[in-house]
N, C-alpha and C. Protein backbone atom coordinates (compact mmCIF):
# COMPACT_ATOMS: atom_id res chain seq x y z
N MET A 1 2.73 7.16 2.49
CA MET A 1 1.85 7.46 1.14
C MET A 1 2.95 6.54 0.02
N ASN A 2 4.09 6.90 -0.35
CA ASN A 2 4.59 6.17 -1.61
C ASN A 2 4.24 4.43 -1.76
N THR A 3 4.43 3.94 -1.09
CA THR A 3 3.37 2.46 -0.65
C THR A 3 1.89 2.23 -0.76
N LYS A 4 0.95 3.20 -0.79
CA LYS A 4 0.03 2.85 -1.30
C LYS A 4 0.26 3.32 -2.89
N ASN A 5 0.54 4.51 -3.35
CA ASN A 5 0.67 4.84 -4.57
C ASN A 5 1.38 4.01 -5.71
N GLN A 6 2.18 3.28 -4.75
CA GLN A 6 2.85 1.97 -5.99
C GLN A 6 1.70 0.77 -5.87
N ILE A 7 0.85 0.45 -4.74
CA ILE A 7 -0.42 -0.39 -5.14
C ILE A 7 -0.90 0.04 -5.83
N PHE A 8 -1.39 1.47 -6.55
CA PHE A 8 -2.50 1.56 -5.89
C PHE A 8 -1.92 1.87 -7.76
N GLU A 9 -0.52 2.14 -8.94
CA GLU A 9 -0.14 1.52 -9.70
C GLU A 9 -0.23 0.48 -10.27
N GLU A 10 0.15 -0.74 -8.94
CA GLU A 10 0.07 -2.32 -9.63
C GLU A 10 -0.63 -2.68 -10.19
N ILE A 11 -2.35 -1.96 -9.28
CA ILE A 11 -3.93 -1.73 -9.79
C ILE A 11 -4.01 -1.87 -11.40
N LEU A 12 -3.47 -0.80 -11.67
CA LEU A 12 -4.24 0.31 -12.61
C LEU A 12 -3.37 -0.94 -13.80
N THR A 13 -2.08 -1.24 -13.80
CA THR A 13 -1.29 -1.99 -14.59
C THR A 13 -1.05 -3.29 -14.67
N THR A 14 -2.11 -3.98 -14.03
CA THR A 14 -2.51 -5.09 -13.96
C THR A 14 -4.00 -5.66 -14.74
N LEU A 15 -4.85 -3.98 -14.38
CA LEU A 15 -6.09 -4.21 -15.05
C LEU A 15 -5.76 -3.86 -16.00
N HIS A 16 -5.11 -2.96 -16.89
CA HIS A 16 -4.45 -2.65 -18.05
C HIS A 16 -3.98 -4.16 -18.52
N PHE A 17 -3.05 -4.25 -18.75
CA PHE A 17 -2.01 -5.37 -19.75
C PHE A 17 -2.34 -6.65 -19.11
N GLY A 18 -3.23 -6.95 -18.21
CA GLY A 18 -3.85 -8.30 -17.68
C GLY A 18 -4.87 -8.81 -19.04
N GLU A 19 -5.04 -10.48 -19.02
CA GLU A 19 -6.02 -11.03 -19.91
C GLU A 19 -6.56 -11.88 -19.05
N GLY A 20 -6.47 -12.17 -17.85
CA GLY A 20 -6.96 -13.11 -17.53
C GLY A 20 -7.59 -13.07 -16.33
N ILE A 21 -8.38 -14.63 -15.41
CA ILE A 21 -9.12 -14.45 -14.46
C ILE A 21 -7.87 -14.12 -13.34
N GLU A 22 -6.96 -14.99 -13.19
CA GLU A 22 -5.45 -14.65 -12.87
C GLU A 22 -5.37 -13.07 -12.25
N ASP A 23 -5.12 -12.92 -13.20
CA ASP A 23 -5.22 -11.02 -13.42
C ASP A 23 -5.83 -10.41 -12.04
N LEU A 24 -6.85 -10.65 -13.03
CA LEU A 24 -8.29 -10.25 -12.27
C LEU A 24 -8.60 -10.56 -10.78
N ARG A 25 -7.84 -11.43 -10.23
CA ARG A 25 -7.52 -12.55 -9.01
C ARG A 25 -7.13 -11.27 -8.30
N TYR A 26 -6.03 -11.04 -9.00
CA TYR A 26 -4.26 -10.57 -8.31
C TYR A 26 -5.04 -8.77 -8.06
N ALA A 27 -5.17 -8.32 -9.31
CA ALA A 27 -5.78 -7.04 -8.80
C ALA A 27 -6.61 -6.91 -7.55
N THR A 28 -7.54 -7.92 -7.60
CA THR A 28 -9.03 -7.51 -6.39
C THR A 28 -7.74 -7.83 -5.16
N SER A 29 -6.80 -8.66 -5.06
CA SER A 29 -6.51 -9.01 -3.98
C SER A 29 -5.67 -7.85 -3.63
N LEU A 30 -5.02 -6.96 -4.49
CA LEU A 30 -4.62 -5.65 -4.11
C LEU A 30 -4.78 -4.50 -4.34
N LEU A 31 -6.36 -4.47 -4.29
CA LEU A 31 -7.62 -3.44 -3.92
C LEU A 31 -7.87 -3.80 -2.83
N CYS A 32 -8.35 -4.83 -2.13
CA CYS A 32 -8.24 -4.87 -0.80
C CYS A 32 -7.23 -4.84 0.17
N HIS A 33 -6.11 -4.63 -0.24
CA HIS A 33 -5.12 -4.46 0.47
C HIS A 33 -4.83 -3.20 0.65
N PHE A 34 -5.06 -2.29 -0.59
CA PHE A 34 -5.10 -0.85 -0.69
C PHE A 34 -6.76 -0.13 0.11
N LEU A 35 -7.74 -0.51 0.32
CA LEU A 35 -8.76 -0.44 0.73
C LEU A 35 -8.05 -0.66 2.23
N ALA A 36 -8.13 -1.40 2.88
CA ALA A 36 -7.29 -2.04 4.11
C ALA A 36 -6.19 -0.85 4.63
N SER A 37 -5.17 -0.61 3.92
CA SER A 37 -4.43 0.65 4.29
C SER A 37 -5.14 1.58 4.43
N MET A 38 -6.13 2.03 3.81
CA MET A 38 -6.47 3.46 4.17
C MET A 38 -7.60 3.13 5.37
N ARG A 39 -7.97 2.14 5.61
CA ARG A 39 -8.79 1.79 6.53
C ARG A 39 -8.51 1.65 8.10
N TYR A 40 -7.49 1.25 7.50
CA TYR A 40 -6.64 1.14 8.67
C TYR A 40 -5.31 1.96 9.12
N PHE A 41 -5.49 3.00 9.02
CA PHE A 41 -3.75 3.73 8.37
C PHE A 41 -2.94 3.95 9.91
N GLY A 42 -3.38 4.14 10.92
CA GLY A 42 -3.16 4.40 12.05
C GLY A 42 -1.89 2.65 12.04
N GLN A 43 -2.79 1.43 11.83
CA GLN A 43 -2.02 0.56 12.44
C GLN A 43 -0.93 0.01 11.06
N PHE A 44 -1.21 0.37 9.58
CA PHE A 44 -0.58 0.66 8.84
C PHE A 44 0.76 1.14 8.98
N ARG A 45 0.58 2.08 9.44
CA ARG A 45 1.98 3.30 9.33
C ARG A 45 2.47 2.49 10.29
N ARG A 46 1.64 1.95 11.79
CA ARG A 46 3.03 1.52 13.15
C ARG A 46 3.89 0.30 12.42
N ALA A 47 2.51 -0.44 11.46
CA ALA A 47 3.68 -1.70 11.03
C ALA A 47 4.46 -1.13 10.02
N LYS A 48 4.53 -0.61 9.64
CA LYS A 48 5.40 0.04 8.57
C LYS A 48 6.92 0.56 8.80
N ALA A 49 6.60 1.61 10.57
CA ALA A 49 7.40 2.21 11.61
C ALA A 49 8.40 1.05 12.18
N GLY A 50 7.67 -0.01 12.21
CA GLY A 50 8.20 -0.98 13.09
C GLY A 50 9.21 -2.20 11.75
N ALA A 51 8.41 -2.30 10.75
CA ALA A 51 9.49 -2.97 9.75
C ALA A 51 10.93 -2.01 9.53
N THR A 52 11.03 -0.94 9.97
CA THR A 52 11.66 -0.24 9.60
C THR A 52 12.91 -0.05 10.37
N GLY A 53 12.29 -0.52 11.40
CA GLY A 53 13.32 -0.28 13.27
C GLY A 53 13.04 1.23 13.81
N MET A 54 11.89 1.86 13.26
CA MET A 54 11.99 3.57 13.34
C MET A 54 11.05 3.95 14.82
N SER A 55 10.17 4.22 15.59
CA SER A 55 8.60 4.57 16.31
C SER A 55 8.25 4.62 15.39
N PRO A 56 6.66 5.03 15.75
CA PRO A 56 5.63 5.52 14.47
C PRO A 56 5.97 6.94 14.79
N ALA A 57 6.26 7.82 15.85
CA ALA A 57 6.42 9.38 15.47
C ALA A 57 7.33 9.78 14.42
N LYS A 58 8.77 9.04 14.43
CA LYS A 58 10.01 9.06 13.66
C LYS A 58 9.81 8.38 11.99
N TYR A 59 8.37 7.92 12.14
CA TYR A 59 8.64 7.40 10.67
C TYR A 59 7.82 8.08 10.01
N LYS A 60 6.62 9.48 10.46
CA LYS A 60 5.44 10.09 10.86
C LYS A 60 6.87 11.39 10.09
N GLU A 61 7.39 11.16 10.78
CA GLU A 61 8.30 13.00 10.69
C GLU A 61 9.15 12.92 9.05
N SER A 62 9.66 11.33 9.49
CA SER A 62 10.26 10.83 7.43
C SER A 62 9.49 10.82 6.36
N LEU A 63 8.41 10.91 6.49
CA LEU A 63 7.88 10.95 5.38
C LEU A 63 7.14 12.14 5.04
N THR A 64 7.42 13.24 6.07
CA THR A 64 6.61 14.69 5.99
C THR A 64 7.89 14.97 4.84
N ASN A 65 9.16 14.99 5.57
CA ASN A 65 10.31 15.68 5.22
C ASN A 65 10.79 14.99 3.80
N LYS A 66 10.89 14.25 3.24
CA LYS A 66 10.53 13.80 1.70
C LYS A 66 10.30 14.61 0.86
């Protein structure tokens, strides 16, 4: 969940302080990533678990114990 919050904060920060078309493109790509992480929640969680070397069940447990 923390990763999604970071992505969302990055979108807001970029839109708030960005002034050019490149900032808008960056925010749009972040939005696509953010929405995909919500749409494909199970796959996103499995990918994050694999990156940490944990099983998906242990990764889910580690998120709930924070």
